[in-house]
């Protein structure tokens, strides 16, 4: 089912499958989200839960039992229930069930909210641990922004000065080594060569906002103060860029497999909740 939110400046459309944003247009009908062309990548803005990235051998251990869990988890594949809807806000919910417990043995609820505030779409995540044990989780966004001009016409502008240290993937797992990606006056001009070894993965950034510039003119401000980790990704010759705020990332090469010890994992105490959000501001 498709839900539409609108105000005088923006219109957003969200699919109840995965509670996935797939369209964000301004009042001139410019589309800012990737169209999901399967020749490149069939998704638009999936939520990554209860893990971000890949587990070693696609498995983890909890309380002496081994579970299989695919890359980026399962939330993006499930139909969400709508808890609340108005012209400017919708709240979706996914609760644990027999299918989720087969791969993730916890009683949880994941709520995803979309709220239009003038020229900003705020995306909120709320995780409820309804279990009697501590619940390990990661969560992240994966919005893909459409780039209708040639890729090199676009620049990412960081809010603060950054020494960008990216951790490359080796067989989808995070390497222990890192390499620096040079910027010029807080700017990173996009080239496909940046992504020859897959995503750029940052364990920490100084910035809480990244702007997308088109021929030197800002078109999007992407705000992510609640997320310590960050990914940037595209595919060769694809006309989009993904800006990915994360709480967590792929397993490291030397992981023990114990999810409680997983680098970047969040541990949610029993009967407690966790909130985080990020925002897409259309300029």
Protein backbone atom coordinates (compact mmCIF):
# COMPACT_ATOMS: atom_id res chain seq x y z
CA UNK A 1 0.00 0.00 0.00
CA UNK A 2 1.22 3.49 -0.88
CA UNK A 3 0.94 6.38 1.57
CA UNK A 4 1.24 9.97 0.35
CA UNK A 5 2.21 12.93 2.52
CA UNK A 6 2.09 16.47 1.21
CA UNK A 7 2.32 20.12 2.13
CA UNK A 8 2.83 23.30 0.10
CA UNK A 9 6.50 22.47 -0.58
CA UNK A 10 6.93 18.69 -0.71
CA UNK A 11 5.17 15.45 -1.56
CA UNK A 12 6.48 12.14 -0.19
CA UNK A 13 5.33 8.63 -1.09
CA UNK A 14 6.07 5.60 1.10
CA UNK A 15 5.45 1.92 0.41
CA UNK A 16 4.13 -0.11 3.34
CA UNK A 17 6.45 -2.94 2.25
CA UNK A 18 9.59 -2.15 4.18
CA UNK A 19 8.06 1.24 5.10
CA UNK A 20 10.27 2.43 2.25
CA UNK A 21 10.35 5.99 0.93
CA UNK A 22 10.34 5.85 -2.85
CA UNK A 23 9.42 9.36 -3.95
CA UNK A 24 10.12 12.87 -2.71
CA UNK A 25 9.14 15.74 -4.97
CA UNK A 26 9.14 19.50 -4.57
CA UNK A 27 6.27 21.73 -5.69
CA UNK A 28 7.86 21.96 -9.15
CA UNK A 29 7.60 18.15 -9.43
CA UNK A 30 11.33 17.57 -9.31
CA UNK A 31 11.99 14.03 -8.09
CA UNK A 32 14.81 13.68 -5.56
CA UNK A 33 14.69 9.91 -4.92
CA UNK A 34 16.17 7.22 -7.16
CA UNK A 35 13.57 5.48 -9.33
CA UNK A 36 14.66 1.92 -8.52
CA UNK A 37 15.68 0.92 -12.05
CA UNK A 38 16.68 -2.75 -11.59
CA UNK A 39 19.40 -2.41 -14.24
CA UNK A 40 21.36 -0.66 -11.48
CA UNK A 41 19.58 -1.15 -8.12
CA UNK A 42 15.94 -1.98 -7.57
CA UNK A 43 15.48 -0.26 -4.21
CA UNK A 44 14.96 3.38 -3.20
CA UNK A 45 15.54 3.88 0.52
CA UNK A 46 15.44 0.61 2.48
CA UNK A 47 15.72 0.47 6.25
CA UNK A 48 18.57 -1.71 7.53
CA UNK A 49 17.50 -3.68 10.62
CA UNK A 50 18.39 -5.55 12.83
CA UNK A 51 21.87 -5.45 11.31
CA UNK A 52 23.73 -3.10 9.01
CA UNK A 53 25.98 -4.69 6.43
CA UNK A 54 27.13 -8.32 6.36
CA UNK A 55 27.81 -10.87 9.07
CA UNK A 56 30.74 -13.25 8.72
CA UNK A 57 29.32 -16.40 7.11
CA UNK A 58 25.94 -14.61 7.29
CA UNK A 59 25.58 -15.88 10.84
CA UNK A 60 25.94 -14.84 14.47
CA UNK A 61 25.83 -16.45 17.88
CA UNK A 62 23.58 -15.44 20.78
CA UNK A 63 23.27 -17.29 24.09
CA UNK A 64 24.95 -20.38 22.67
CA UNK A 65 22.78 -20.66 19.55
CA UNK A 66 23.83 -19.81 15.99
CA UNK A 67 21.43 -17.92 13.73
CA UNK A 68 21.54 -17.13 10.02
CA UNK A 69 20.84 -13.54 9.04
CA UNK A 70 21.29 -12.06 5.58
CA UNK A 71 22.98 -8.76 4.67
CA UNK A 72 21.19 -5.69 6.09
CA UNK A 73 18.64 -7.80 7.94
CA UNK A 74 14.97 -8.38 7.16
CA UNK A 75 12.91 -5.26 7.90
CA UNK A 76 12.99 -4.09 4.27
CA UNK A 77 11.24 -7.30 3.17
CA UNK A 78 8.23 -7.17 5.50
CA UNK A 79 4.87 -5.48 5.21
CA UNK A 80 4.47 -2.79 7.89
CA UNK A 81 1.24 -1.84 9.64
CA UNK A 82 0.16 1.81 9.74
CA UNK A 83 -0.33 3.04 13.32
CA UNK A 84 -1.08 6.70 12.56
CA UNK A 85 -1.60 8.77 9.45
CA UNK A 86 -2.31 12.41 8.66
CA UNK A 87 -1.58 14.64 5.67
CA UNK A 88 1.92 15.38 6.99
CA UNK A 89 2.88 12.34 9.09
CA UNK A 90 2.67 8.55 9.01
CA UNK A 91 3.93 5.98 11.52
CA UNK A 92 4.59 2.39 10.45
CA UNK A 93 5.13 -0.62 12.71
CA UNK A 94 6.77 -4.03 12.36
CA UNK A 95 6.52 -6.46 15.27
CA UNK A 96 8.43 -9.66 15.84
CA UNK A 97 6.74 -12.79 14.52
CA UNK A 98 7.53 -16.44 13.85
CA UNK A 99 9.50 -15.57 10.72
CA UNK A 100 11.67 -12.94 12.40
CA UNK A 101 12.28 -15.10 15.48
CA UNK A 102 13.73 -17.84 13.28
CA UNK A 103 16.65 -15.52 12.48
CA UNK A 104 16.46 -12.96 15.32
CA UNK A 105 15.09 -14.45 18.56
CA UNK A 106 13.82 -11.29 20.23
CA UNK A 107 10.46 -9.73 20.93
CA UNK A 108 10.66 -6.28 19.37
CA UNK A 109 8.71 -3.56 17.66
CA UNK A 110 10.24 -1.28 15.03
CA UNK A 111 8.38 1.94 14.30
CA UNK A 112 9.34 4.10 11.32
CA UNK A 113 7.85 7.58 11.05
CA UNK A 114 7.85 10.08 8.20
CA UNK A 115 7.03 13.71 9.00
CA UNK A 116 6.89 16.66 6.62
CA UNK A 117 8.04 19.91 8.20
CA UNK A 118 7.98 22.66 5.56
CA UNK A 119 10.86 21.76 3.20
CA UNK A 120 12.16 18.84 5.31
CA UNK A 121 11.19 15.19 5.51
CA UNK A 122 12.17 13.75 8.89
CA UNK A 123 12.57 9.97 9.11
CA UNK A 124 12.40 8.57 12.63
CA UNK A 125 13.24 5.11 13.97
CA UNK A 126 11.95 3.83 17.31
CA UNK A 127 12.95 0.38 18.55
CA UNK A 128 11.14 -1.30 21.44
CA UNK A 129 12.73 -4.19 23.33
CA UNK A 130 9.70 -6.13 24.54
CA UNK A 131 11.83 -9.09 25.59
CA UNK A 132 13.19 -10.17 28.97
CA UNK A 133 16.81 -10.13 27.76
CA UNK A 134 19.11 -7.43 26.43
CA UNK A 135 18.55 -6.97 22.70
CA UNK A 136 21.49 -6.37 20.33
CA UNK A 137 20.66 -4.45 17.16
CA UNK A 138 21.89 -2.12 14.49
CA UNK A 139 19.82 0.17 12.33
CA UNK A 140 20.47 2.44 9.40
CA UNK A 141 19.04 4.30 6.44
CA UNK A 142 19.94 3.76 2.79
CA UNK A 143 18.29 6.59 0.81
CA UNK A 144 19.35 6.90 -2.82
CA UNK A 145 19.19 10.37 -4.34
CA UNK A 146 18.60 10.79 -8.05
CA UNK A 147 21.36 12.57 -9.99
CA UNK A 148 19.89 13.47 -13.39
CA UNK A 149 23.03 15.19 -14.73
CA UNK A 150 26.43 13.60 -15.30
CA UNK A 151 27.82 12.15 -12.07
CA UNK A 152 30.81 14.54 -11.98
CA UNK A 153 28.42 17.51 -11.83
CA UNK A 154 27.72 16.63 -8.20
CA UNK A 155 29.68 17.39 -5.05
CA UNK A 156 29.19 16.38 -1.43
CA UNK A 157 29.86 19.24 0.98
CA UNK A 158 30.53 18.30 4.60
CA UNK A 159 29.34 20.55 7.40
CA UNK A 160 32.77 20.48 9.09
CA UNK A 161 36.36 19.84 8.12
CA UNK A 162 36.92 16.11 7.79
CA UNK A 163 39.81 13.72 7.54
CA UNK A 164 37.83 11.06 5.68
CA UNK A 165 39.17 7.66 6.69
CA UNK A 166 37.28 4.92 4.87
CA UNK A 167 37.42 1.25 5.83
CA UNK A 168 37.28 -0.95 2.72
CA UNK A 169 35.31 -4.16 2.48
CA UNK A 170 37.02 -7.51 1.93
CA UNK A 171 34.50 -10.18 0.93
CA UNK A 172 31.81 -7.87 2.35
CA UNK A 173 33.57 -7.69 5.75
CA UNK A 174 35.21 -4.60 7.19
CA UNK A 175 38.97 -4.43 6.88
CA UNK A 176 41.15 -3.42 9.82
CA UNK A 177 42.98 -0.95 7.58
CA UNK A 178 41.72 2.37 6.31
CA UNK A 179 42.63 4.89 3.65
CA UNK A 180 42.15 8.64 3.41
CA UNK A 181 39.85 10.22 0.86
CA UNK A 182 41.03 13.77 0.20
CA UNK A 183 38.59 16.66 0.27
CA UNK A 184 38.94 20.23 -0.95
CA UNK A 185 37.47 22.90 1.33
CA UNK A 186 35.07 20.32 2.86
CA UNK A 187 34.06 19.22 -0.63
CA UNK A 188 34.16 15.77 -2.22
CA UNK A 189 33.53 15.77 -5.97
CA UNK A 190 31.77 12.58 -6.99
CA UNK A 191 33.51 10.22 -9.39
CA UNK A 192 32.73 6.56 -10.02
CA UNK A 193 36.36 5.68 -9.26
CA UNK A 194 35.68 6.47 -5.59
CA UNK A 195 33.47 3.38 -5.45
CA UNK A 196 35.63 0.85 -7.29
CA UNK A 197 35.86 -1.18 -4.07
CA UNK A 198 32.20 -0.76 -3.09
CA UNK A 199 30.93 1.68 -0.45
CA UNK A 200 32.89 4.31 1.42
CA UNK A 201 32.51 3.43 5.10
CA UNK A 202 33.27 5.86 7.90
CA UNK A 203 33.25 4.84 11.54
CA UNK A 204 33.05 8.46 12.61
CA UNK A 205 32.47 11.89 11.06
CA UNK A 206 32.71 15.35 12.57
CA UNK A 207 29.79 16.56 10.48
CA UNK A 208 26.10 16.16 11.27
CA UNK A 209 25.03 17.35 7.82
CA UNK A 210 26.12 16.75 4.22
CA UNK A 211 24.93 18.86 1.30
CA UNK A 212 24.53 17.60 -2.25
CA UNK A 213 25.51 20.29 -4.75
CA UNK A 214 24.54 20.23 -8.41
CA UNK A 215 26.94 22.35 -10.48
CA UNK A 216 27.89 24.19 -7.30
CA UNK A 217 24.30 24.85 -6.19
CA UNK A 218 22.97 23.06 -3.07
CA UNK A 219 19.91 20.92 -3.78
CA UNK A 220 19.72 18.73 -0.63
CA UNK A 221 20.87 19.04 2.98
CA UNK A 222 21.10 15.62 4.64
CA UNK A 223 21.00 15.78 8.47
CA UNK A 224 22.06 12.81 10.64
CA UNK A 225 23.14 13.91 14.13
CA UNK A 226 21.96 10.67 15.82
CA UNK A 227 24.19 8.36 13.76
CA UNK A 228 27.91 7.88 14.52
CA UNK A 229 28.67 5.73 11.45
CA UNK A 230 28.12 6.58 7.80
CA UNK A 231 28.23 5.01 4.35
CA UNK A 232 28.31 6.53 0.87
CA UNK A 233 27.60 4.30 -2.11
CA UNK A 234 26.69 4.03 -5.76
CA UNK A 235 27.18 1.56 -8.59
CA UNK A 236 29.26 2.10 -11.70
CA UNK A 237 27.49 4.43 -14.14
CA UNK A 238 24.40 4.58 -11.90
CA UNK A 239 22.72 8.03 -11.71
CA UNK A 240 22.25 8.08 -7.95
CA UNK A 241 24.16 8.51 -4.71
CA UNK A 242 23.28 6.84 -1.41
CA UNK A 243 23.88 8.72 1.82
CA UNK A 244 23.58 6.16 4.61
CA UNK A 245 23.37 7.06 8.32
CA UNK A 246 24.19 3.98 10.38
CA UNK A 247 24.32 2.68 13.92
CA UNK A 248 26.62 -0.25 13.19
CA UNK A 249 28.31 -1.75 10.13
CA UNK A 250 29.52 -5.03 8.66
CA UNK A 251 31.39 -7.57 10.74
CA UNK A 252 35.13 -7.05 10.93
CA UNK A 253 37.43 -9.72 9.55
CA UNK A 254 38.45 -10.84 13.06
CA UNK A 255 34.92 -10.98 14.53
CA UNK A 256 34.18 -13.61 17.19
CA UNK A 257 30.67 -14.12 15.84
CA UNK A 258 29.14 -13.32 19.24
CA UNK A 259 26.64 -10.59 18.39
CA UNK A 260 26.95 -9.02 21.86
CA UNK A 261 30.64 -8.41 21.09
CA UNK A 262 30.04 -7.21 17.52
CA UNK A 263 31.80 -3.93 16.76
CA UNK A 264 29.29 -1.09 16.46
CA UNK A 265 26.36 -3.08 17.88
CA UNK A 266 23.74 -1.36 20.06
CA UNK A 267 22.54 -3.10 23.24
CA UNK A 268 19.00 -2.22 24.25
CA UNK A 269 18.04 -3.13 27.84
CA UNK A 270 14.88 -5.09 28.44
CA UNK A 271 11.58 -3.16 28.20
CA UNK A 272 13.35 -0.01 26.99
CA UNK A 273 13.13 1.96 23.74
CA UNK A 274 15.64 3.63 21.43
CA UNK A 275 14.97 6.66 19.21
CA UNK A 276 16.95 8.19 16.37
CA UNK A 277 16.14 10.22 13.26
CA UNK A 278 17.60 11.85 10.18
CA UNK A 279 16.29 14.55 7.87
CA UNK A 280 16.19 15.32 4.16
CA UNK A 281 15.97 19.07 3.52
CA UNK A 282 15.12 20.11 -0.04
CA UNK A 283 16.72 23.44 -0.92
